[in-house]
Structures are given as C-alpha cells and as structure tokens.
C-alpha cells in the first residue's frame, strides 16, 4: 500500500457555506432546493448565512436533495488524520 499525504486545508468553509456552494454548483435556487427537500426556503437561507444550525435531520434531507453525503455538509473542512 502506498503512503499518501492528505491535501492541506486551504479555505475554512462552514456547513452553511457548504450547502450554498453545492446548491449553486448544481444551479439551484434556494426555492428550488426547498421544493426538493421540504425545508422552507427561509430556513435554507438561515442555514446558509449561519443564523440557523444545520442539524442532523436537515443535513440528511439536504444531502438527498443535493445528491451528496451528509458528511460533506456537516463536516466540510474536516481532515482525516494520517493513521499510523
């Protein structure tokens, strides 16, 4: 097995920013995302701006709608330490 060096974190991204980035990359408005996941648009806005905590259940619903793993939203800047 080859050794690898994990990528360095270059930018700090909050869970809300992660939701916004993935939503925008998919060309979705907050209203469209709201319709896909059943979370009110005002709540999505609050999550993206950091006024409302993402939470596990919201992360699951958003991940399904955004077709990504919930961990991508909940832990956007998390790095796996190199196991010895």
PDB file of N, CA and C in Angstrom:
ATOM      1  N   UNK A   1       0.835  -1.171   0.000  1.00  0.00           N
ATOM      2  CA  UNK A   1       0.000   0.000   0.000  1.00  0.00           C
ATOM      3  C   UNK A   1       0.884   1.240   0.000  1.00  0.00           C
ATOM      4  N   UNK A   2       0.533   2.222  -0.809  1.00  0.00           N
ATOM      5  CA  UNK A   2       1.345   3.426  -0.909  1.00  0.00           C
ATOM      6  C   UNK A   2       0.976   4.425   0.184  1.00  0.00           C
ATOM      7  N   UNK A   3       1.978   5.138   0.630  1.00  0.00           N
ATOM      8  CA  UNK A   3       1.714   6.221   1.565  1.00  0.00           C
ATOM      9  C   UNK A   3       1.169   7.411   0.801  1.00  0.00           C
ATOM     10  N   UNK A   4       0.345   8.184   1.463  1.00  0.00           N
ATOM     11  CA  UNK A   4      -0.197   9.366   0.817  1.00  0.00           C
ATOM     12  C   UNK A   4      -0.142  10.534   1.777  1.00  0.00           C
ATOM     13  N   UNK A   5      -0.147  11.703   1.226  1.00  0.00           N
ATOM     14  CA  UNK A   5      -0.168  12.920   2.022  1.00  0.00           C
ATOM     15  C   UNK A   5      -1.510  13.586   1.779  1.00  0.00           C
ATOM     16  N   UNK A   6      -2.320  13.751   2.843  1.00  0.00           N
ATOM     17  CA  UNK A   6      -3.627  14.376   2.651  1.00  0.00           C
ATOM     18  C   UNK A   6      -3.469  15.825   2.194  1.00  0.00           C
ATOM     19  N   UNK A   7      -4.431  16.277   1.425  1.00  0.00           N
ATOM     20  CA  UNK A   7      -4.423  17.654   0.954  1.00  0.00           C
ATOM     21  C   UNK A   7      -4.530  18.600   2.141  1.00  0.00           C
ATOM     22  N   UNK A   8      -3.879  19.735   2.030  1.00  0.00           N
ATOM     23  CA  UNK A   8      -3.946  20.732   3.085  1.00  0.00           C
ATOM     24  C   UNK A   8      -5.225  21.549   2.929  1.00  0.00           C
ATOM     25  N   UNK A   9      -5.763  21.906   4.068  1.00  0.00           N
ATOM     26  CA  UNK A   9      -6.952  22.753   4.058  1.00  0.00           C
ATOM     27  C   UNK A   9      -6.534  24.144   3.589  1.00  0.00           C
ATOM     28  N   UNK A  10      -7.183  24.637   2.567  1.00  0.00           N
ATOM     29  CA  UNK A  10      -6.839  25.939   2.026  1.00  0.00           C
ATOM     30  C   UNK A  10      -7.854  27.013   2.410  1.00  0.00           C
ATOM     31  N   UNK A  11      -9.091  26.598   2.634  1.00  0.00           N
ATOM     32  CA  UNK A  11     -10.150  27.544   2.938  1.00  0.00           C
ATOM     33  C   UNK A  11     -11.028  26.958   4.033  1.00  0.00           C
ATOM     34  N   UNK A  12     -11.383  27.783   5.017  1.00  0.00           N
ATOM     35  CA  UNK A  12     -12.341  27.347   6.032  1.00  0.00           C
ATOM     36  C   UNK A  12     -13.744  27.555   5.485  1.00  0.00           C
ATOM     37  N   UNK A  13     -14.538  26.507   5.499  1.00  0.00           N
ATOM     38  CA  UNK A  13     -15.906  26.559   4.983  1.00  0.00           C
ATOM     39  C   UNK A  13     -16.841  26.068   6.084  1.00  0.00           C
ATOM     40  N   UNK A  14     -17.871  26.848   6.359  1.00  0.00           N
ATOM     41  CA  UNK A  14     -18.859  26.440   7.363  1.00  0.00           C
ATOM     42  C   UNK A  14     -19.858  25.483   6.717  1.00  0.00           C
ATOM     43  N   UNK A  15     -20.622  24.756   7.524  1.00  0.00           N
ATOM     44  CA  UNK A  15     -21.660  23.892   6.949  1.00  0.00           C
ATOM     45  C   UNK A  15     -22.643  24.677   6.068  1.00  0.00           C
ATOM     46  N   UNK A  16     -23.030  25.863   6.500  1.00  0.00           N
ATOM     47  CA  UNK A  16     -23.948  26.675   5.698  1.00  0.00           C
ATOM     48  C   UNK A  16     -23.354  27.092   4.369  1.00  0.00           C
ATOM     49  N   UNK A  17     -22.072  27.458   4.393  1.00  0.00           N
ATOM     50  CA  UNK A  17     -21.400  27.816   3.145  1.00  0.00           C
ATOM     51  C   UNK A  17     -21.289  26.606   2.227  1.00  0.00           C
ATOM     52  N   UNK A  18     -21.082  25.443   2.817  1.00  0.00           N
ATOM     53  CA  UNK A  18     -21.013  24.215   2.033  1.00  0.00           C
ATOM     54  C   UNK A  18     -22.343  23.957   1.317  1.00  0.00           C
ATOM     55  N   UNK A  19     -23.452  24.146   2.045  1.00  0.00           N
ATOM     56  CA  UNK A  19     -24.777  23.985   1.428  1.00  0.00           C
ATOM     57  C   UNK A  19     -24.922  24.950   0.256  1.00  0.00           C
ATOM     58  N   UNK A  20     -24.564  26.208   0.473  1.00  0.00           N
ATOM     59  CA  UNK A  20     -24.703  27.218  -0.586  1.00  0.00           C
ATOM     60  C   UNK A  20     -23.839  26.883  -1.797  1.00  0.00           C
ATOM     61  N   UNK A  21     -22.599  26.505  -1.557  1.00  0.00           N
ATOM     62  CA  UNK A  21     -21.680  26.198  -2.660  1.00  0.00           C
ATOM     63  C   UNK A  21     -22.212  25.036  -3.498  1.00  0.00           C
ATOM     64  N   UNK A  22     -22.614  23.957  -2.839  1.00  0.00           N
ATOM     65  CA  UNK A  22     -23.103  22.786  -3.571  1.00  0.00           C
ATOM     66  C   UNK A  22     -24.407  23.118  -4.303  1.00  0.00           C
ATOM     67  N   UNK A  23     -25.280  23.880  -3.647  1.00  0.00           N
ATOM     68  CA  UNK A  23     -26.542  24.284  -4.282  1.00  0.00           C
ATOM     69  C   UNK A  23     -26.258  25.106  -5.540  1.00  0.00           C
ATOM     70  N   UNK A  24     -25.373  26.086  -5.428  1.00  0.00           N
ATOM     71  CA  UNK A  24     -25.059  26.939  -6.577  1.00  0.00           C
ATOM     72  C   UNK A  24     -24.360  26.160  -7.690  1.00  0.00           C
ATOM     73  N   UNK A  25     -23.471  25.233  -7.329  1.00  0.00           N
ATOM     74  CA  UNK A  25     -22.806  24.412  -8.348  1.00  0.00           C
ATOM     75  C   UNK A  25     -23.807  23.583  -9.140  1.00  0.00           C
ATOM     76  N   UNK A  26     -24.919  23.232  -8.503  1.00  0.00           N
ATOM     77  CA  UNK A  26     -25.953  22.459  -9.180  1.00  0.00           C
ATOM     78  C   UNK A  26     -26.980  23.351  -9.868  1.00  0.00           C
ATOM     79  N   UNK A  27     -26.785  24.657  -9.798  1.00  0.00           N
ATOM     80  CA  UNK A  27     -27.670  25.584 -10.487  1.00  0.00           C
ATOM     81  C   UNK A  27     -29.048  25.708  -9.856  1.00  0.00           C
ATOM     82  N   UNK A  28     -29.130  25.474  -8.555  1.00  0.00           N
ATOM     83  CA  UNK A  28     -30.422  25.530  -7.871  1.00  0.00           C
ATOM     84  C   UNK A  28     -30.573  26.831  -7.102  1.00  0.00           C
ATOM     85  N   UNK A  29     -31.786  27.357  -7.073  1.00  0.00           N
ATOM     86  CA  UNK A  29     -32.102  28.469  -6.192  1.00  0.00           C
ATOM     87  C   UNK A  29     -32.473  27.898  -4.827  1.00  0.00           C
ATOM     88  N   UNK A  30     -32.546  28.759  -3.838  1.00  0.00           N
ATOM     89  CA  UNK A  30     -32.990  28.301  -2.522  1.00  0.00           C
ATOM     90  C   UNK A  30     -34.419  27.768  -2.603  1.00  0.00           C
ATOM     91  N   UNK A  31     -35.247  28.413  -3.410  1.00  0.00           N
ATOM     92  CA  UNK A  31     -36.641  27.977  -3.563  1.00  0.00           C
ATOM     93  C   UNK A  31     -36.702  26.589  -4.192  1.00  0.00           C
ATOM     94  N   UNK A  32     -35.890  26.343  -5.210  1.00  0.00           N
ATOM     95  CA  UNK A  32     -35.875  25.028  -5.856  1.00  0.00           C
ATOM     96  C   UNK A  32     -35.391  23.957  -4.886  1.00  0.00           C
ATOM     97  N   UNK A  33     -34.350  24.272  -4.121  1.00  0.00           N
ATOM     98  CA  UNK A  33     -33.840  23.320  -3.133  1.00  0.00           C
ATOM     99  C   UNK A  33     -34.902  23.049  -2.076  1.00  0.00           C
ATOM    100  N   UNK A  34     -35.611  24.080  -1.673  1.00  0.00           N
ATOM    101  CA  UNK A  34     -36.691  23.934  -0.704  1.00  0.00           C
ATOM    102  C   UNK A  34     -37.742  22.952  -1.198  1.00  0.00           C
ATOM    103  N   UNK A  35     -38.093  23.057  -2.448  1.00  0.00           N
ATOM    104  CA  UNK A  35     -39.092  22.155  -3.038  1.00  0.00           C
ATOM    105  C   UNK A  35     -38.582  20.719  -3.089  1.00  0.00           C
ATOM    106  N   UNK A  36     -37.287  20.551  -3.325  1.00  0.00           N
ATOM    107  CA  UNK A  36     -36.707  19.204  -3.412  1.00  0.00           C
ATOM    108  C   UNK A  36     -36.603  18.518  -2.048  1.00  0.00           C
ATOM    109  N   UNK A  37     -36.339  19.289  -1.003  1.00  0.00           N
ATOM    110  CA  UNK A  37     -36.060  18.661   0.292  1.00  0.00           C
ATOM    111  C   UNK A  37     -37.158  18.873   1.331  1.00  0.00           C
ATOM    112  N   UNK A  38     -38.089  19.771   1.072  1.00  0.00           N
ATOM    113  CA  UNK A  38     -39.172  20.005   2.024  1.00  0.00           C
ATOM    114  C   UNK A  38     -38.814  20.913   3.192  1.00  0.00           C
ATOM    115  N   UNK A  39     -37.663  21.546   3.123  1.00  0.00           N
ATOM    116  CA  UNK A  39     -37.253  22.507   4.148  1.00  0.00           C
ATOM    117  C   UNK A  39     -37.633  23.900   3.632  1.00  0.00           C
ATOM    118  N   UNK A  40     -38.286  24.719   4.467  1.00  0.00           N
ATOM    119  CA  UNK A  40     -38.679  26.050   3.992  1.00  0.00           C
ATOM    120  C   UNK A  40     -37.496  26.869   3.481  1.00  0.00           C
ATOM    121  N   UNK A  41     -37.741  27.662   2.459  1.00  0.00           N
ATOM    122  CA  UNK A  41     -36.691  28.496   1.866  1.00  0.00           C
ATOM    123  C   UNK A  41     -36.065  29.422   2.903  1.00  0.00           C
ATOM    124  N   UNK A  42     -36.866  29.953   3.819  1.00  0.00           N
ATOM    125  CA  UNK A  42     -36.332  30.846   4.855  1.00  0.00           C
ATOM    126  C   UNK A  42     -35.363  30.112   5.781  1.00  0.00           C
ATOM    127  N   UNK A  43     -35.624  28.838   6.018  1.00  0.00           N
ATOM    128  CA  UNK A  43     -34.715  28.034   6.842  1.00  0.00           C
ATOM    129  C   UNK A  43     -33.420  27.774   6.089  1.00  0.00           C
ATOM    130  N   UNK A  44     -33.517  27.475   4.799  1.00  0.00           N
ATOM    131  CA  UNK A  44     -32.308  27.267   3.986  1.00  0.00           C
ATOM    132  C   UNK A  44     -31.466  28.541   3.983  1.00  0.00           C
ATOM    133  N   UNK A  45     -32.107  29.686   3.841  1.00  0.00           N
ATOM    134  CA  UNK A  45     -31.402  30.963   3.891  1.00  0.00           C
ATOM    135  C   UNK A  45     -30.694  31.118   5.234  1.00  0.00           C
ATOM    136  N   UNK A  46     -31.378  30.800   6.324  1.00  0.00           N
ATOM    137  CA  UNK A  46     -30.784  30.889   7.650  1.00  0.00           C
ATOM    138  C   UNK A  46     -29.608  29.952   7.840  1.00  0.00           C
ATOM    139  N   UNK A  47     -29.703  28.757   7.275  1.00  0.00           N
ATOM    140  CA  UNK A  47     -28.599  27.788   7.344  1.00  0.00           C
ATOM    141  C   UNK A  47     -27.396  28.332   6.585  1.00  0.00           C
ATOM    142  N   UNK A  48     -27.639  28.825   5.382  1.00  0.00           N
ATOM    143  CA  UNK A  48     -26.545  29.311   4.543  1.00  0.00           C
ATOM    144  C   UNK A  48     -25.840  30.524   5.144  1.00  0.00           C
ATOM    145  N   UNK A  49     -26.560  31.339   5.894  1.00  0.00           N
ATOM    146  CA  UNK A  49     -25.959  32.534   6.496  1.00  0.00           C
ATOM    147  C   UNK A  49     -25.470  32.294   7.922  1.00  0.00           C
ATOM    148  N   UNK A  50     -25.691  31.090   8.456  1.00  0.00           N
ATOM    149  CA  UNK A  50     -25.204  30.746   9.777  1.00  0.00           C
ATOM    150  C   UNK A  50     -26.117  31.158  10.925  1.00  0.00           C
ATOM    151  N   UNK A  51     -27.303  31.653  10.617  1.00  0.00           N
ATOM    152  CA  UNK A  51     -28.257  32.035  11.670  1.00  0.00           C
ATOM    153  C   UNK A  51     -28.969  30.821  12.255  1.00  0.00           C
ATOM    154  N   UNK A  52     -29.075  29.741  11.473  1.00  0.00           N
ATOM    155  CA  UNK A  52     -29.761  28.521  11.886  1.00  0.00           C
ATOM    156  C   UNK A  52     -28.780  27.360  11.764  1.00  0.00           C
ATOM    157  N   UNK A  53     -28.711  26.540  12.818  1.00  0.00           N
ATOM    158  CA  UNK A  53     -27.838  25.363  12.772  1.00  0.00           C
ATOM    159  C   UNK A  53     -28.373  24.349  11.770  1.00  0.00           C
ATOM    160  N   UNK A  54     -27.456  23.701  11.078  1.00  0.00           N
ATOM    161  CA  UNK A  54     -27.834  22.713  10.075  1.00  0.00           C
ATOM    162  C   UNK A  54     -28.564  21.533  10.715  1.00  0.00           C
ATOM    163  N   UNK A  55     -27.988  20.893  11.701  1.00  0.00           N
ATOM    164  CA  UNK A  55     -28.623  19.760  12.357  1.00  0.00           C
ATOM    165  C   UNK A  55     -28.612  18.498  11.503  1.00  0.00           C
ATOM    166  N   UNK A  56     -28.716  17.366  12.168  1.00  0.00           N
ATOM    167  CA  UNK A  56     -28.599  16.068  11.504  1.00  0.00           C
ATOM    168  C   UNK A  56     -29.747  15.819  10.525  1.00  0.00           C
ATOM    169  N   UNK A  57     -30.980  16.028  10.964  1.00  0.00           N
ATOM    170  CA  UNK A  57     -32.127  15.719  10.096  1.00  0.00           C
ATOM    171  C   UNK A  57     -32.161  16.629   8.875  1.00  0.00           C
ATOM    172  N   UNK A  58     -31.863  17.903   9.065  1.00  0.00           N
ATOM    173  CA  UNK A  58     -31.814  18.817   7.914  1.00  0.00           C
ATOM    174  C   UNK A  58     -30.672  18.428   6.981  1.00  0.00           C
ATOM    175  N   UNK A  59     -29.536  18.045   7.559  1.00  0.00           N
ATOM    176  CA  UNK A  59     -28.390  17.629   6.735  1.00  0.00           C
ATOM    177  C   UNK A  59     -28.761  16.427   5.871  1.00  0.00           C
ATOM    178  N   UNK A  60     -29.486  15.471   6.451  1.00  0.00           N
ATOM    179  CA  UNK A  60     -29.909  14.301   5.672  1.00  0.00           C
ATOM    180  C   UNK A  60     -30.825  14.703   4.525  1.00  0.00           C
ATOM    181  N   UNK A  61     -31.822  15.547   4.810  1.00  0.00           N
ATOM    182  CA  UNK A  61     -32.776  15.963   3.776  1.00  0.00           C
ATOM    183  C   UNK A  61     -32.072  16.757   2.677  1.00  0.00           C
ATOM    184  N   UNK A  62     -31.184  17.669   3.069  1.00  0.00           N
ATOM    185  CA  UNK A  62     -30.456  18.456   2.071  1.00  0.00           C
ATOM    186  C   UNK A  62     -29.508  17.578   1.259  1.00  0.00           C
ATOM    187  N   UNK A  63     -28.854  16.626   1.910  1.00  0.00           N
ATOM    188  CA  UNK A  63     -27.925  15.739   1.200  1.00  0.00           C
ATOM    189  C   UNK A  63     -28.645  14.910   0.143  1.00  0.00           C
ATOM    190  N   UNK A  64     -29.824  14.438   0.471  1.00  0.00           N
ATOM    191  CA  UNK A  64     -30.593  13.677  -0.520  1.00  0.00           C
ATOM    192  C   UNK A  64     -30.933  14.579  -1.709  1.00  0.00           C
ATOM    193  N   UNK A  65     -31.403  15.785  -1.419  1.00  0.00           N
ATOM    194  CA  UNK A  65     -31.783  16.707  -2.491  1.00  0.00           C
ATOM    195  C   UNK A  65     -30.575  17.143  -3.313  1.00  0.00           C
ATOM    196  N   UNK A  66     -29.424  17.304  -2.659  1.00  0.00           N
ATOM    197  CA  UNK A  66     -28.214  17.759  -3.358  1.00  0.00           C
ATOM    198  C   UNK A  66     -27.370  16.594  -3.889  1.00  0.00           C
ATOM    199  N   UNK A  67     -27.821  15.360  -3.639  1.00  0.00           N
ATOM    200  CA  UNK A  67     -27.135  14.161  -4.118  1.00  0.00           C
ATOM    201  C   UNK A  67     -25.663  14.115  -3.661  1.00  0.00           C
ATOM    202  N   UNK A  68     -25.499  14.284  -2.337  1.00  0.00           N
ATOM    203  CA  UNK A  68     -24.162  14.180  -1.757  1.00  0.00           C
ATOM    204  C   UNK A  68     -24.282  13.489  -0.403  1.00  0.00           C
ATOM    205  N   UNK A  69     -23.178  13.144   0.185  1.00  0.00           N
ATOM    206  CA  UNK A  69     -23.180  12.517   1.508  1.00  0.00           C
ATOM    207  C   UNK A  69     -23.391  13.611   2.552  1.00  0.00           C
ATOM    208  N   UNK A  70     -24.188  13.346   3.602  1.00  0.00           N
ATOM    209  CA  UNK A  70     -24.418  14.359   4.639  1.00  0.00           C
ATOM    210  C   UNK A  70     -23.131  14.891   5.278  1.00  0.00           C
ATOM    211  N   UNK A  71     -22.100  14.054   5.366  1.00  0.00           N
ATOM    212  CA  UNK A  71     -20.837  14.497   5.964  1.00  0.00           C
ATOM    213  C   UNK A  71     -20.203  15.643   5.182  1.00  0.00           C
ATOM    214  N   UNK A  72     -20.457  15.689   3.880  1.00  0.00           N
ATOM    215  CA  UNK A  72     -19.938  16.786   3.060  1.00  0.00           C
ATOM    216  C   UNK A  72     -20.509  18.113   3.552  1.00  0.00           C
ATOM    217  N   UNK A  73     -21.749  18.085   4.021  1.00  0.00           N
ATOM    218  CA  UNK A  73     -22.397  19.303   4.510  1.00  0.00           C
ATOM    219  C   UNK A  73     -22.048  19.583   5.969  1.00  0.00           C
ATOM    220  N   UNK A  74     -22.031  18.552   6.792  1.00  0.00           N
ATOM    221  CA  UNK A  74     -21.833  18.727   8.230  1.00  0.00           C
ATOM    222  C   UNK A  74     -20.373  19.008   8.588  1.00  0.00           C
ATOM    223  N   UNK A  75     -19.451  18.340   7.906  1.00  0.00           N
ATOM    224  CA  UNK A  75     -18.019  18.481   8.196  1.00  0.00           C
ATOM    225  C   UNK A  75     -17.247  18.905   6.943  1.00  0.00           C
ATOM    226  N   UNK A  76     -17.542  20.077   6.385  1.00  0.00           N
ATOM    227  CA  UNK A  76     -16.934  20.439   5.102  1.00  0.00           C
ATOM    228  C   UNK A  76     -15.420  20.601   5.126  1.00  0.00           C
ATOM    229  N   UNK A  77     -14.836  20.999   6.244  1.00  0.00           N
ATOM    230  CA  UNK A  77     -13.412  21.218   6.279  1.00  0.00           C
ATOM    231  C   UNK A  77     -12.640  20.183   7.062  1.00  0.00           C
ATOM    232  N   UNK A  78     -13.301  19.094   7.405  1.00  0.00           N
ATOM    233  CA  UNK A  78     -12.678  18.084   8.258  1.00  0.00           C
ATOM    234  C   UNK A  78     -11.672  17.267   7.496  1.00  0.00           C
ATOM    235  N   UNK A  79     -10.505  17.056   8.129  1.00  0.00           N
ATOM    236  CA  UNK A  79      -9.462  16.236   7.519  1.00  0.00           C
ATOM    237  C   UNK A  79      -9.281  14.957   8.336  1.00  0.00           C
ATOM    238  N   UNK A  80      -9.045  13.871   7.659  1.00  0.00           N
ATOM    239  CA  UNK A  80      -8.788  12.598   8.336  1.00  0.00           C
ATOM    240  C   UNK A  80      -7.317  12.582   8.721  1.00  0.00           C
ATOM    241  N   UNK A  81      -7.013  12.382  10.013  1.00  0.00           N
ATOM    242  CA  UNK A  81      -5.592  12.327  10.409  1.00  0.00           C
ATOM    243  C   UNK A  81      -4.943  11.069   9.825  1.00  0.00           C
ATOM    244  N   UNK A  82      -3.684  11.179   9.552  1.00  0.00           N
ATOM    245  CA  UNK A  82      -2.932  10.071   8.986  1.00  0.00           C
ATOM    246  C   UNK A  82      -2.790   8.976  10.033  1.00  0.00           C
ATOM    247  N   UNK A  83      -3.398   7.821   9.784  1.00  0.00           N
ATOM    248  CA  UNK A  83      -3.324   6.690  10.729  1.00  0.00           C
ATOM    249  C   UNK A  83      -1.940   6.076  10.699  1.00  0.00           C
ATOM    250  N   UNK A  84      -1.423   5.790  11.860  1.00  0.00           N
ATOM    251  CA  UNK A  84      -0.071   5.212  11.916  1.00  0.00           C
ATOM    252  C   UNK A  84      -0.153   3.706  11.960  1.00  0.00           C
TER     253      UNK A  84
END
